PDB file of N, CA and C in Angstrom:
ATOM      1  N   UNK A   1      48.017  93.078 107.033  1.00  0.00           N
ATOM      2  CA  UNK A   1      48.591  91.972 107.731  1.00  0.00           C
ATOM      3  C   UNK A   1      47.588  91.327 108.680  1.00  0.00           C
ATOM      4  N   UNK A   2      48.132  90.563 109.589  1.00  0.00           N
ATOM      5  CA  UNK A   2      47.324  89.814 110.552  1.00  0.00           C
ATOM      6  C   UNK A   2      46.459  90.707 111.444  1.00  0.00           C
ATOM      7  N   UNK A   3      46.988  91.835 111.958  1.00  0.00           N
ATOM      8  CA  UNK A   3      46.116  92.701 112.768  1.00  0.00           C
ATOM      9  C   UNK A   3      44.906  93.226 111.997  1.00  0.00           C
ATOM     10  N   UNK A   4      45.079  93.507 110.713  1.00  0.00           N
ATOM     11  CA  UNK A   4      43.946  93.980 109.910  1.00  0.00           C
ATOM     12  C   UNK A   4      42.900  92.892 109.741  1.00  0.00           C
ATOM     13  N   UNK A   5      43.345  91.652 109.525  1.00  0.00           N
ATOM     14  CA  UNK A   5      42.413  90.528 109.396  1.00  0.00           C
ATOM     15  C   UNK A   5      41.681  90.310 110.714  1.00  0.00           C
ATOM     16  N   UNK A   6      42.402  90.350 111.829  1.00  0.00           N
ATOM     17  CA  UNK A   6      41.780  90.164 113.139  1.00  0.00           C
ATOM     18  C   UNK A   6      40.778  91.277 113.424  1.00  0.00           C
ATOM     19  N   UNK A   7      41.148  92.510 113.131  1.00  0.00           N
ATOM     20  CA  UNK A   7      40.238  93.641 113.339  1.00  0.00           C
ATOM     21  C   UNK A   7      38.977  93.516 112.500  1.00  0.00           C
ATOM     22  N   UNK A   8      39.139  93.099 111.252  1.00  0.00           N
ATOM     23  CA  UNK A   8      37.988  92.903 110.377  1.00  0.00           C
ATOM     24  C   UNK A   8      37.085  91.796 110.904  1.00  0.00           C
ATOM     25  N   UNK A   9      37.682  90.720 111.407  1.00  0.00           N
ATOM     26  CA  UNK A   9      36.892  89.622 111.970  1.00  0.00           C
ATOM     27  C   UNK A   9      36.082  90.096 113.176  1.00  0.00           C
ATOM     28  N   UNK A  10      36.687  90.940 114.011  1.00  0.00           N
ATOM     29  CA  UNK A  10      35.970  91.474 115.179  1.00  0.00           C
ATOM     30  C   UNK A  10      34.772  92.303 114.732  1.00  0.00           C
ATOM     31  N   UNK A  11      34.981  93.159 113.751  1.00  0.00           N
ATOM     32  CA  UNK A  11      33.888  94.017 113.268  1.00  0.00           C
ATOM     33  C   UNK A  11      32.774  93.169 112.672  1.00  0.00           C
ATOM     34  N   UNK A  12      33.117  92.196 111.857  1.00  0.00           N
ATOM     35  CA  UNK A  12      32.103  91.365 111.210  1.00  0.00           C
ATOM     36  C   UNK A  12      31.333  90.542 112.244  1.00  0.00           C
ATOM     37  N   UNK A  13      32.031  89.957 113.206  1.00  0.00           N
ATOM     38  CA  UNK A  13      31.342  89.167 114.224  1.00  0.00           C
ATOM     39  C   UNK A  13      30.456  90.041 115.109  1.00  0.00           C
ATOM     40  N   UNK A  14      30.884  91.255 115.375  1.00  0.00           N
ATOM     41  CA  UNK A  14      30.049  92.178 116.146  1.00  0.00           C
ATOM     42  C   UNK A  14      28.770  92.498 115.380  1.00  0.00           C
ATOM     43  N   UNK A  15      28.898  92.719 114.094  1.00  0.00           N
ATOM     44  CA  UNK A  15      27.710  92.977 113.267  1.00  0.00           C
ATOM     45  C   UNK A  15      26.786  91.759 113.286  1.00  0.00           C
ATOM     46  N   UNK A  16      27.354  90.546 113.182  1.00  0.00           N
ATOM     47  CA  UNK A  16      26.534  89.337 113.230  1.00  0.00           C
ATOM     48  C   UNK A  16      25.776  89.229 114.554  1.00  0.00           C
ATOM     49  N   UNK A  17      26.426  89.545 115.648  1.00  0.00           N
ATOM     50  CA  UNK A  17      25.778  89.465 116.965  1.00  0.00           C
ATOM     51  C   UNK A  17      24.635  90.481 117.044  1.00  0.00           C
ATOM     52  N   UNK A  18      24.878  91.688 116.571  1.00  0.00           N
ATOM     53  CA  UNK A  18      23.827  92.719 116.596  1.00  0.00           C
ATOM     54  C   UNK A  18      22.640  92.293 115.747  1.00  0.00           C
ATOM     55  N   UNK A  19      22.905  91.770 114.561  1.00  0.00           N
ATOM     56  CA  UNK A  19      21.816  91.301 113.692  1.00  0.00           C
ATOM     57  C   UNK A  19      21.051  90.154 114.364  1.00  0.00           C
ATOM     58  N   UNK A  20      21.767  89.239 115.008  1.00  0.00           N
ATOM     59  CA  UNK A  20      21.104  88.128 115.694  1.00  0.00           C
ATOM     60  C   UNK A  20      20.196  88.637 116.805  1.00  0.00           C
ATOM     61  N   UNK A  21      20.669  89.594 117.594  1.00  0.00           N
ATOM     62  CA  UNK A  21      19.831  90.144 118.670  1.00  0.00           C
ATOM     63  C   UNK A  21      18.631  90.894 118.099  1.00  0.00           C
ATOM     64  N   UNK A  22      18.817  91.585 116.993  1.00  0.00           N
ATOM     65  CA  UNK A  22      17.675  92.244 116.345  1.00  0.00           C
ATOM     66  C   UNK A  22      16.654  91.219 115.879  1.00  0.00           C
ATOM     67  N   UNK A  23      17.126  90.093 115.342  1.00  0.00           N
ATOM     68  CA  UNK A  23      16.215  89.038 114.913  1.00  0.00           C
ATOM     69  C   UNK A  23      15.475  88.434 116.110  1.00  0.00           C
ATOM     70  N   UNK A  24      16.212  88.211 117.212  1.00  0.00           N
ATOM     71  CA  UNK A  24      15.581  87.635 118.403  1.00  0.00           C
ATOM     72  C   UNK A  24      14.500  88.535 118.974  1.00  0.00           C
ATOM     73  N   UNK A  25      14.662  89.829 118.807  1.00  0.00           N
ATOM     74  CA  UNK A  25      13.709  90.788 119.380  1.00  0.00           C
ATOM     75  C   UNK A  25      12.859  91.455 118.298  1.00  0.00           C
ATOM     76  N   UNK A  26      12.695  90.753 117.187  1.00  0.00           N
ATOM     77  CA  UNK A  26      11.785  91.136 116.107  1.00  0.00           C
ATOM     78  C   UNK A  26      11.995  92.573 115.627  1.00  0.00           C
ATOM     79  N   UNK A  27      13.254  92.977 115.519  1.00  0.00           N
ATOM     80  CA  UNK A  27      13.578  94.280 114.960  1.00  0.00           C
ATOM     81  C   UNK A  27      13.463  95.452 115.916  1.00  0.00           C
ATOM     82  N   UNK A  28      13.072  95.211 117.154  1.00  0.00           N
ATOM     83  CA  UNK A  28      12.955  96.297 118.127  1.00  0.00           C
ATOM     84  C   UNK A  28      14.361  96.649 118.631  1.00  0.00           C
ATOM     85  N   UNK A  29      14.853  97.793 118.181  1.00  0.00           N
ATOM     86  CA  UNK A  29      16.224  98.194 118.459  1.00  0.00           C
ATOM     87  C   UNK A  29      16.495  98.344 119.953  1.00  0.00           C
ATOM     88  N   UNK A  30      15.590  98.970 120.681  1.00  0.00           N
ATOM     89  CA  UNK A  30      15.798  99.208 122.111  1.00  0.00           C
ATOM     90  C   UNK A  30      15.883  97.896 122.887  1.00  0.00           C
ATOM     91  N   UNK A  31      14.926  96.982 122.648  1.00  0.00           N
ATOM     92  CA  UNK A  31      14.955  95.699 123.361  1.00  0.00           C
ATOM     93  C   UNK A  31      16.180  94.876 122.984  1.00  0.00           C
ATOM     94  N   UNK A  32      16.564  94.912 121.723  1.00  0.00           N
ATOM     95  CA  UNK A  32      17.733  94.150 121.270  1.00  0.00           C
ATOM     96  C   UNK A  32      19.004  94.642 121.955  1.00  0.00           C
ATOM     97  N   UNK A  33      19.196  95.946 121.997  1.00  0.00           N
ATOM     98  CA  UNK A  33      20.414  96.474 122.614  1.00  0.00           C
ATOM     99  C   UNK A  33      20.394  96.339 124.134  1.00  0.00           C
ATOM    100  N   UNK A  34      19.216  96.439 124.755  1.00  0.00           N
ATOM    101  CA  UNK A  34      19.134  96.195 126.203  1.00  0.00           C
ATOM    102  C   UNK A  34      19.495  94.748 126.528  1.00  0.00           C
ATOM    103  N   UNK A  35      18.973  93.809 125.745  1.00  0.00           N
ATOM    104  CA  UNK A  35      19.291  92.395 125.970  1.00  0.00           C
ATOM    105  C   UNK A  35      20.769  92.122 125.711  1.00  0.00           C
ATOM    106  N   UNK A  36      21.309  92.716 124.662  1.00  0.00           N
ATOM    107  CA  UNK A  36      22.726  92.532 124.344  1.00  0.00           C
ATOM    108  C   UNK A  36      23.600  93.082 125.471  1.00  0.00           C
ATOM    109  N   UNK A  37      23.268  94.268 125.955  1.00  0.00           N
ATOM    110  CA  UNK A  37      24.046  94.858 127.051  1.00  0.00           C
ATOM    111  C   UNK A  37      23.959  93.996 128.303  1.00  0.00           C
ATOM    112  N   UNK A  38      22.764  93.486 128.598  1.00  0.00           N
ATOM    113  CA  UNK A  38      22.597  92.632 129.777  1.00  0.00           C
ATOM    114  C   UNK A  38      23.417  91.353 129.657  1.00  0.00           C
ATOM    115  N   UNK A  39      23.528  90.806 128.457  1.00  0.00           N
ATOM    116  CA  UNK A  39      24.286  89.573 128.247  1.00  0.00           C
ATOM    117  C   UNK A  39      25.793  89.807 128.206  1.00  0.00           C
ATOM    118  N   UNK A  40      26.226  90.961 127.727  1.00  0.00           N
ATOM    119  CA  UNK A  40      27.655  91.221 127.536  1.00  0.00           C
ATOM    120  C   UNK A  40      28.301  91.834 128.783  1.00  0.00           C
ATOM    121  N   UNK A  41      27.535  92.548 129.597  1.00  0.00           N
ATOM    122  CA  UNK A  41      28.113  93.240 130.752  1.00  0.00           C
ATOM    123  C   UNK A  41      28.888  92.322 131.691  1.00  0.00           C
ATOM    124  N   UNK A  42      28.352  91.138 132.076  1.00  0.00           N
ATOM    125  CA  UNK A  42      29.141  90.279 132.958  1.00  0.00           C
ATOM    126  C   UNK A  42      30.485  89.874 132.360  1.00  0.00           C
ATOM    127  N   UNK A  43      30.519  89.596 131.072  1.00  0.00           N
ATOM    128  CA  UNK A  43      31.778  89.213 130.431  1.00  0.00           C
ATOM    129  C   UNK A  43      32.773  90.370 130.445  1.00  0.00           C
ATOM    130  N   UNK A  44      32.293  91.570 130.207  1.00  0.00           N
ATOM    131  CA  UNK A  44      33.182  92.731 130.221  1.00  0.00           C
ATOM    132  C   UNK A  44      33.707  92.983 131.627  1.00  0.00           C
ATOM    133  N   UNK A  45      32.822  92.952 132.609  1.00  0.00           N
ATOM    134  CA  UNK A  45      33.238  93.207 133.993  1.00  0.00           C
ATOM    135  C   UNK A  45      34.223  92.147 134.478  1.00  0.00           C
ATOM    136  N   UNK A  46      33.965  90.896 134.150  1.00  0.00           N
ATOM    137  CA  UNK A  46      34.872  89.835 134.588  1.00  0.00           C
ATOM    138  C   UNK A  46      36.188  89.865 133.816  1.00  0.00           C
ATOM    139  N   UNK A  47      36.165  90.364 132.604  1.00  0.00           N
ATOM    140  CA  UNK A  47      37.414  90.538 131.859  1.00  0.00           C
ATOM    141  C   UNK A  47      38.298  91.587 132.520  1.00  0.00           C
ATOM    142  N   UNK A  48      37.686  92.592 133.130  1.00  0.00           N
ATOM    143  CA  UNK A  48      38.457  93.568 133.906  1.00  0.00           C
ATOM    144  C   UNK A  48      39.102  92.864 135.105  1.00  0.00           C
ATOM    145  N   UNK A  49      38.346  91.961 135.757  1.00  0.00           N
ATOM    146  CA  UNK A  49      38.912  91.175 136.847  1.00  0.00           C
ATOM    147  C   UNK A  49      40.054  90.294 136.371  1.00  0.00           C
ATOM    148  N   UNK A  50      39.901  89.714 135.188  1.00  0.00           N
ATOM    149  CA  UNK A  50      40.966  88.907 134.583  1.00  0.00           C
ATOM    150  C   UNK A  50      42.227  89.746 134.416  1.00  0.00           C
ATOM    151  N   UNK A  51      42.072  90.919 133.804  1.00  0.00           N
ATOM    152  CA  UNK A  51      43.228  91.789 133.543  1.00  0.00           C
ATOM    153  C   UNK A  51      43.848  92.304 134.836  1.00  0.00           C
ATOM    154  N   UNK A  52      43.007  92.599 135.829  1.00  0.00           N
ATOM    155  CA  UNK A  52      43.523  93.130 137.092  1.00  0.00           C
ATOM    156  C   UNK A  52      44.435  92.130 137.795  1.00  0.00           C
ATOM    157  N   UNK A  53      44.202  90.842 137.582  1.00  0.00           N
ATOM    158  CA  UNK A  53      45.051  89.823 138.193  1.00  0.00           C
ATOM    159  C   UNK A  53      46.178  89.415 137.246  1.00  0.00           C
ATOM    160  N   UNK A  54      45.863  89.216 135.977  1.00  0.00           N
ATOM    161  CA  UNK A  54      46.851  88.697 135.028  1.00  0.00           C
ATOM    162  C   UNK A  54      47.952  89.701 134.709  1.00  0.00           C
ATOM    163  N   UNK A  55      47.614  90.976 134.644  1.00  0.00           N
ATOM    164  CA  UNK A  55      48.622  91.970 134.259  1.00  0.00           C
ATOM    165  C   UNK A  55      49.777  92.059 135.256  1.00  0.00           C
ATOM    166  N   UNK A  56      49.515  92.174 136.561  1.00  0.00           N
ATOM    167  CA  UNK A  56      50.650  92.195 137.491  1.00  0.00           C
ATOM    168  C   UNK A  56      51.458  90.891 137.471  1.00  0.00           C
ATOM    169  N   UNK A  57      50.770  89.756 137.317  1.00  0.00           N
ATOM    170  CA  UNK A  57      51.485  88.475 137.237  1.00  0.00           C
ATOM    171  C   UNK A  57      52.349  88.447 135.984  1.00  0.00           C
ATOM    172  N   UNK A  58      51.822  88.947 134.883  1.00  0.00           N
ATOM    173  CA  UNK A  58      52.575  88.990 133.633  1.00  0.00           C
ATOM    174  C   UNK A  58      53.818  89.863 133.755  1.00  0.00           C
ATOM    175  N   UNK A  59      53.650  91.040 134.355  1.00  0.00           N
ATOM    176  CA  UNK A  59      54.789  91.953 134.522  1.00  0.00           C
ATOM    177  C   UNK A  59      55.837  91.308 135.433  1.00  0.00           C
ATOM    178  N   UNK A  60      55.392  90.706 136.520  1.00  0.00           N
ATOM    179  CA  UNK A  60      56.331  90.051 137.436  1.00  0.00           C
ATOM    180  C   UNK A  60      57.046  88.885 136.789  1.00  0.00           C
ATOM    181  N   UNK A  61      56.313  88.065 136.065  1.00  0.00           N
ATOM    182  CA  UNK A  61      56.920  86.910 135.404  1.00  0.00           C
ATOM    183  C   UNK A  61      57.892  87.349 134.318  1.00  0.00           C
ATOM    184  N   UNK A  62      57.547  88.407 133.604  1.00  0.00           N
ATOM    185  CA  UNK A  62      58.453  88.921 132.567  1.00  0.00           C
ATOM    186  C   UNK A  62      59.740  89.445 133.181  1.00  0.00           C
ATOM    187  N   UNK A  63      59.622  90.160 134.284  1.00  0.00           N
ATOM    188  CA  UNK A  63      60.816  90.723 134.906  1.00  0.00           C
ATOM    189  C   UNK A  63      61.720  89.641 135.498  1.00  0.00           C
ATOM    190  N   UNK A  64      61.136  88.493 135.839  1.00  0.00           N
ATOM    191  CA  UNK A  64      61.929  87.382 136.359  1.00  0.00           C
ATOM    192  C   UNK A  64      62.547  86.536 135.250  1.00  0.00           C
ATOM    193  N   UNK A  65      62.131  86.773 134.006  1.00  0.00           N
ATOM    194  CA  UNK A  65      62.675  86.018 132.885  1.00  0.00           C
ATOM    195  C   UNK A  65      62.196  84.580 132.827  1.00  0.00           C
ATOM    196  N   UNK A  66      60.981  84.327 133.281  1.00  0.00           N
ATOM    197  CA  UNK A  66      60.419  82.971 133.266  1.00  0.00           C
ATOM    198  C   UNK A  66      60.260  82.516 131.808  1.00  0.00           C
ATOM    199  N   UNK A  67      60.582  81.269 131.499  1.00  0.00           N
ATOM    200  CA  UNK A  67      60.420  80.762 130.126  1.00  0.00           C
ATOM    201  C   UNK A  67      58.973  80.869 129.639  1.00  0.00           C
ATOM    202  N   UNK A  68      58.820  80.842 128.332  1.00  0.00           N
ATOM    203  CA  UNK A  68      57.538  81.142 127.683  1.00  0.00           C
ATOM    204  C   UNK A  68      56.373  80.280 128.170  1.00  0.00           C
ATOM    205  N   UNK A  69      56.501  78.955 128.177  1.00  0.00           N
ATOM    206  CA  UNK A  69      55.367  78.086 128.535  1.00  0.00           C
ATOM    207  C   UNK A  69      54.958  78.270 129.996  1.00  0.00           C
ATOM    208  N   UNK A  70      55.888  78.237 130.959  1.00  0.00           N
ATOM    209  CA  UNK A  70      55.466  78.508 132.345  1.00  0.00           C
ATOM    210  C   UNK A  70      54.893  79.917 132.513  1.00  0.00           C
ATOM    211  N   UNK A  71      55.431  80.864 131.774  1.00  0.00           N
ATOM    212  CA  UNK A  71      54.906  82.237 131.808  1.00  0.00           C
ATOM    213  C   UNK A  71      53.444  82.249 131.369  1.00  0.00           C
ATOM    214  N   UNK A  72      53.155  81.601 130.236  1.00  0.00           N
ATOM    215  CA  UNK A  72      51.785  81.573 129.721  1.00  0.00           C
ATOM    216  C   UNK A  72      50.841  80.841 130.673  1.00  0.00           C
ATOM    217  N   UNK A  73      51.304  79.713 131.216  1.00  0.00           N
ATOM    218  CA  UNK A  73      50.462  78.966 132.163  1.00  0.00           C
ATOM    219  C   UNK A  73      50.178  79.780 133.421  1.00  0.00           C
ATOM    220  N   UNK A  74      51.198  80.390 133.978  1.00  0.00           N
ATOM    221  CA  UNK A  74      51.038  81.163 135.213  1.00  0.00           C
ATOM    222  C   UNK A  74      50.101  82.351 134.998  1.00  0.00           C
ATOM    223  N   UNK A  75      50.343  83.085 133.932  1.00  0.00           N
ATOM    224  CA  UNK A  75      49.522  84.269 133.645  1.00  0.00           C
ATOM    225  C   UNK A  75      48.076  83.874 133.351  1.00  0.00           C
ATOM    226  N   UNK A  76      47.892  82.803 132.578  1.00  0.00           N
ATOM    227  CA  UNK A  76      46.534  82.359 132.236  1.00  0.00           C
ATOM    228  C   UNK A  76      45.774  81.862 133.459  1.00  0.00           C
ATOM    229  N   UNK A  77      46.433  81.072 134.289  1.00  0.00           N
ATOM    230  CA  UNK A  77      45.765  80.564 135.494  1.00  0.00           C
ATOM    231  C   UNK A  77      45.411  81.698 136.459  1.00  0.00           C
ATOM    232  N   UNK A  78      46.321  82.644 136.616  1.00  0.00           N
ATOM    233  CA  UNK A  78      46.036  83.775 137.500  1.00  0.00           C
ATOM    234  C   UNK A  78      44.874  84.603 136.959  1.00  0.00           C
ATOM    235  N   UNK A  79      44.888  84.893 135.668  1.00  0.00           N
ATOM    236  CA  UNK A  79      43.796  85.658 135.064  1.00  0.00           C
ATOM    237  C   UNK A  79      42.479  84.912 135.130  1.00  0.00           C
ATOM    238  N   UNK A  80      42.525  83.600 134.876  1.00  0.00           N
ATOM    239  CA  UNK A  80      41.308  82.792 134.975  1.00  0.00           C
ATOM    240  C   UNK A  80      40.731  82.804 136.379  1.00  0.00           C
ATOM    241  N   UNK A  81      41.610  82.758 137.370  1.00  0.00           N
ATOM    242  CA  UNK A  81      41.150  82.845 138.761  1.00  0.00           C
ATOM    243  C   UNK A  81      40.490  84.199 139.020  1.00  0.00           C
ATOM    244  N   UNK A  82      41.061  85.263 138.481  1.00  0.00           N
ATOM    245  CA  UNK A  82      40.456  86.592 138.620  1.00  0.00           C
ATOM    246  C   UNK A  82      39.094  86.665 137.963  1.00  0.00           C
ATOM    247  N   UNK A  83      38.954  86.020 136.811  1.00  0.00           N
ATOM    248  CA  UNK A  83      37.685  86.012 136.092  1.00  0.00           C
ATOM    249  C   UNK A  83      36.619  85.266 136.901  1.00  0.00           C
ATOM    250  N   UNK A  84      36.963  84.065 137.377  1.00  0.00           N
ATOM    251  CA  UNK A  84      36.001  83.260 138.136  1.00  0.00           C
ATOM    252  C   UNK A  84      35.650  83.949 139.454  1.00  0.00           C
ATOM    253  N   UNK A  85      36.628  84.555 140.111  1.00  0.00           N
ATOM    254  CA  UNK A  85      36.348  85.275 141.357  1.00  0.00           C
ATOM    255  C   UNK A  85      35.404  86.446 141.093  1.00  0.00           C
ATOM    256  N   UNK A  86      35.614  87.146 139.987  1.00  0.00           N
ATOM    257  CA  UNK A  86      34.705  88.241 139.625  1.00  0.00           C
ATOM    258  C   UNK A  86      33.293  87.714 139.397  1.00  0.00           C
ATOM    259  N   UNK A  87      33.184  86.595 138.689  1.00  0.00           N
ATOM    260  CA  UNK A  87      31.860  85.987 138.487  1.00  0.00           C
ATOM    261  C   UNK A  87      31.222  85.626 139.821  1.00  0.00           C
ATOM    262  N   UNK A  88      32.014  85.024 140.685  1.00  0.00           N
ATOM    263  CA  UNK A  88      31.500  84.567 141.979  1.00  0.00           C
ATOM    264  C   UNK A  88      31.002  85.727 142.836  1.00  0.00           C
ATOM    265  N   UNK A  89      31.714  86.844 142.810  1.00  0.00           N
ATOM    266  CA  UNK A  89      31.350  87.996 143.638  1.00  0.00           C
ATOM    267  C   UNK A  89      30.209  88.812 143.049  1.00  0.00           C
ATOM    268  N   UNK A  90      30.266  89.085 141.750  1.00  0.00           N
ATOM    269  CA  UNK A  90      29.345  90.051 141.154  1.00  0.00           C
ATOM    270  C   UNK A  90      28.195  89.432 140.369  1.00  0.00           C
ATOM    271  N   UNK A  91      28.374  88.217 139.852  1.00  0.00           N
ATOM    272  CA  UNK A  91      27.359  87.618 138.980  1.00  0.00           C
ATOM    273  C   UNK A  91      27.129  86.153 139.340  1.00  0.00           C
ATOM    274  N   UNK A  92      26.596  85.878 140.529  1.00  0.00           N
ATOM    275  CA  UNK A  92      26.431  84.486 140.946  1.00  0.00           C
ATOM    276  C   UNK A  92      25.493  83.669 140.044  1.00  0.00           C
ATOM    277  N   UNK A  93      24.488  84.302 139.463  1.00  0.00           N
ATOM    278  CA  UNK A  93      23.590  83.524 138.592  1.00  0.00           C
ATOM    279  C   UNK A  93      24.312  83.103 137.308  1.00  0.00           C
ATOM    280  N   UNK A  94      25.188  83.954 136.783  1.00  0.00           N
ATOM    281  CA  UNK A  94      25.965  83.582 135.604  1.00  0.00           C
ATOM    282  C   UNK A  94      26.968  82.483 135.949  1.00  0.00           C
ATOM    283  N   UNK A  95      27.495  82.501 137.174  1.00  0.00           N
ATOM    284  CA  UNK A  95      28.386  81.434 137.611  1.00  0.00           C
ATOM    285  C   UNK A  95      27.631  80.104 137.673  1.00  0.00           C
ATOM    286  N   UNK A  96      26.386  80.140 138.131  1.00  0.00           N
ATOM    287  CA  UNK A  96      25.574  78.917 138.135  1.00  0.00           C
ATOM    288  C   UNK A  96      25.376  78.396 136.717  1.00  0.00           C
ATOM    289  N   UNK A  97      25.152  79.305 135.761  1.00  0.00           N
ATOM    290  CA  UNK A  97      25.018  78.885 134.359  1.00  0.00           C
ATOM    291  C   UNK A  97      26.310  78.258 133.851  1.00  0.00           C
ATOM    292  N   UNK A  98      27.436  78.824 134.239  1.00  0.00           N
ATOM    293  CA  UNK A  98      28.731  78.253 133.852  1.00  0.00           C
ATOM    294  C   UNK A  98      28.889  76.858 134.443  1.00  0.00           C
ATOM    295  N   UNK A  99      28.507  76.689 135.692  1.00  0.00           N
ATOM    296  CA  UNK A  99      28.607  75.370 136.325  1.00  0.00           C
ATOM    297  C   UNK A  99      27.732  74.345 135.608  1.00  0.00           C
ATOM    298  N   UNK A 100      26.525  74.744 135.184  1.00  0.00           N
ATOM    299  CA  UNK A 100      25.662  73.834 134.435  1.00  0.00           C
ATOM    300  C   UNK A 100      26.301  73.441 133.110  1.00  0.00           C
ATOM    301  N   UNK A 101      26.916  74.394 132.436  1.00  0.00           N
ATOM    302  CA  UNK A 101      27.602  74.109 131.181  1.00  0.00           C
ATOM    303  C   UNK A 101      28.761  73.154 131.403  1.00  0.00           C
ATOM    304  N   UNK A 102      29.539  73.388 132.465  1.00  0.00           N
ATOM    305  CA  UNK A 102      30.671  72.503 132.780  1.00  0.00           C
ATOM    306  C   UNK A 102      30.171  71.093 133.058  1.00  0.00           C
ATOM    307  N   UNK A 103      29.073  70.966 133.779  1.00  0.00           N
ATOM    308  CA  UNK A 103      28.515  69.640 134.083  1.00  0.00           C
ATOM    309  C   UNK A 103      28.125  68.882 132.815  1.00  0.00           C
ATOM    310  N   UNK A 104      27.614  69.619 131.839  1.00  0.00           N
ATOM    311  CA  UNK A 104      27.180  68.962 130.599  1.00  0.00           C
ATOM    312  C   UNK A 104      28.347  68.585 129.702  1.00  0.00           C
ATOM    313  N   UNK A 105      29.433  69.339 129.769  1.00  0.00           N
ATOM    314  CA  UNK A 105      30.529  69.127 128.829  1.00  0.00           C
ATOM    315  C   UNK A 105      31.649  68.239 129.351  1.00  0.00           C
ATOM    316  N   UNK A 106      31.899  68.257 130.650  1.00  0.00           N
ATOM    317  CA  UNK A 106      33.058  67.547 131.190  1.00  0.00           C
ATOM    318  C   UNK A 106      32.669  66.237 131.853  1.00  0.00           C
ATOM    319  N   UNK A 107      33.571  65.238 131.820  1.00  0.00           N
ATOM    320  CA  UNK A 107      33.305  63.985 132.533  1.00  0.00           C
ATOM    321  C   UNK A 107      33.258  64.201 134.043  1.00  0.00           C
ATOM    322  N   UNK A 108      32.698  63.238 134.773  1.00  0.00           N
ATOM    323  CA  UNK A 108      32.449  63.362 136.206  1.00  0.00           C
ATOM    324  C   UNK A 108      33.663  63.695 137.042  1.00  0.00           C
ATOM    325  N   UNK A 109      34.793  63.014 136.839  1.00  0.00           N
ATOM    326  CA  UNK A 109      35.969  63.280 137.670  1.00  0.00           C
ATOM    327  C   UNK A 109      36.522  64.680 137.431  1.00  0.00           C
ATOM    328  N   UNK A 110      36.429  65.171 136.204  1.00  0.00           N
ATOM    329  CA  UNK A 110      36.881  66.533 135.911  1.00  0.00           C
ATOM    330  C   UNK A 110      35.914  67.546 136.512  1.00  0.00           C
ATOM    331  N   UNK A 111      34.622  67.232 136.506  1.00  0.00           N
ATOM    332  CA  UNK A 111      33.629  68.124 137.116  1.00  0.00           C
ATOM    333  C   UNK A 111      33.928  68.342 138.587  1.00  0.00           C
ATOM    334  N   UNK A 112      34.259  67.266 139.290  1.00  0.00           N
ATOM    335  CA  UNK A 112      34.544  67.400 140.718  1.00  0.00           C
ATOM    336  C   UNK A 112      35.763  68.288 140.951  1.00  0.00           C
ATOM    337  N   UNK A 113      36.782  68.137 140.118  1.00  0.00           N
ATOM    338  CA  UNK A 113      37.986  68.953 140.264  1.00  0.00           C
ATOM    339  C   UNK A 113      37.683  70.423 139.991  1.00  0.00           C
ATOM    340  N   UNK A 114      37.005  70.703 138.887  1.00  0.00           N
ATOM    341  CA  UNK A 114      36.677  72.083 138.531  1.00  0.00           C
ATOM    342  C   UNK A 114      35.688  72.669 139.520  1.00  0.00           C
ATOM    343  N   UNK A 115      34.732  71.860 139.977  1.00  0.00           N
ATOM    344  CA  UNK A 115      33.715  72.327 140.914  1.00  0.00           C
ATOM    345  C   UNK A 115      34.296  72.846 142.210  1.00  0.00           C
ATOM    346  N   UNK A 116      35.425  72.315 142.622  1.00  0.00           N
ATOM    347  CA  UNK A 116      36.059  72.794 143.856  1.00  0.00           C
ATOM    348  C   UNK A 116      36.495  74.246 143.734  1.00  0.00           C
ATOM    349  N   UNK A 117      36.799  74.671 142.520  1.00  0.00           N
ATOM    350  CA  UNK A 117      37.328  76.022 142.334  1.00  0.00           C
ATOM    351  C   UNK A 117      36.256  77.048 142.004  1.00  0.00           C
ATOM    352  N   UNK A 118      35.123  76.616 141.433  1.00  0.00           N
ATOM    353  CA  UNK A 118      34.147  77.613 141.006  1.00  0.00           C
ATOM    354  C   UNK A 118      32.833  77.560 141.762  1.00  0.00           C
ATOM    355  N   UNK A 119      32.681  76.674 142.725  1.00  0.00           N
ATOM    356  CA  UNK A 119      31.416  76.618 143.453  1.00  0.00           C
ATOM    357  C   UNK A 119      31.522  77.368 144.777  1.00  0.00           C
ATOM    358  N   UNK A 120      30.390  77.863 145.213  1.00  0.00           N
ATOM    359  CA  UNK A 120      30.346  78.549 146.510  1.00  0.00           C
ATOM    360  C   UNK A 120      30.342  77.506 147.613  1.00  0.00           C
ATOM    361  N   UNK A 121      31.037  77.791 148.709  1.00  0.00           N
ATOM    362  CA  UNK A 121      30.983  76.863 149.843  1.00  0.00           C
ATOM    363  C   UNK A 121      29.577  76.841 150.425  1.00  0.00           C
ATOM    364  N   UNK A 122      29.101  75.636 150.754  1.00  0.00           N
ATOM    365  CA  UNK A 122      27.766  75.484 151.314  1.00  0.00           C
ATOM    366  C   UNK A 122      27.843  75.634 152.835  1.00  0.00           C
ATOM    367  N   UNK A 123      26.891  76.381 153.444  1.00  0.00           N
ATOM    368  CA  UNK A 123      26.904  76.497 154.909  1.00  0.00           C
ATOM    369  C   UNK A 123      26.657  75.140 155.561  1.00  0.00           C
ATOM    370  N   UNK A 124      27.356  74.901 156.637  1.00  0.00           N
ATOM    371  CA  UNK A 124      27.215  73.636 157.348  1.00  0.00           C
ATOM    372  C   UNK A 124      26.024  73.731 158.294  1.00  0.00           C
ATOM    373  N   UNK A 125      25.277  72.639 158.392  1.00  0.00           N
ATOM    374  CA  UNK A 125      24.114  72.645 159.288  1.00  0.00           C
ATOM    375  C   UNK A 125      24.583  72.497 160.739  1.00  0.00           C
ATOM    376  N   UNK A 126      23.831  73.091 161.654  1.00  0.00           N
ATOM    377  CA  UNK A 126      24.201  73.113 163.073  1.00  0.00           C
ATOM    378  C   UNK A 126      23.924  71.775 163.758  1.00  0.00           C
ATOM    379  N   UNK A 127      23.149  70.898 163.156  1.00  0.00           N
ATOM    380  CA  UNK A 127      22.765  69.670 163.838  1.00  0.00           C
ATOM    381  C   UNK A 127      23.491  68.519 163.336  1.00  0.00           C
TER     382      UNK A 127
END
């Protein structure tokens, strides 16, 4: 069924990523896996932050009987906030990369709106 197809897709895509990293590092297994771990660790750590926020919101929303669409929006926004907060606290350079990507992909007015939520506050000058 569908879970088997999804599981197979995960395995195949993981193999593709490993092969790509091996190609990038000219077949050197140690360098390829070190680079892969360095690139994947922030996503894994921030996904834990996502789950740490989204799971309690999901349980609370379910117990309140909130309709499906507001439930999904609330849980997704809360989890997304947990993910971005994790990036902001633990991986500021990756957050800067995300901001650069957002700047390239989104129009100016949307950038300003999103930038308010994912940028670090700048210290105010004393003069």
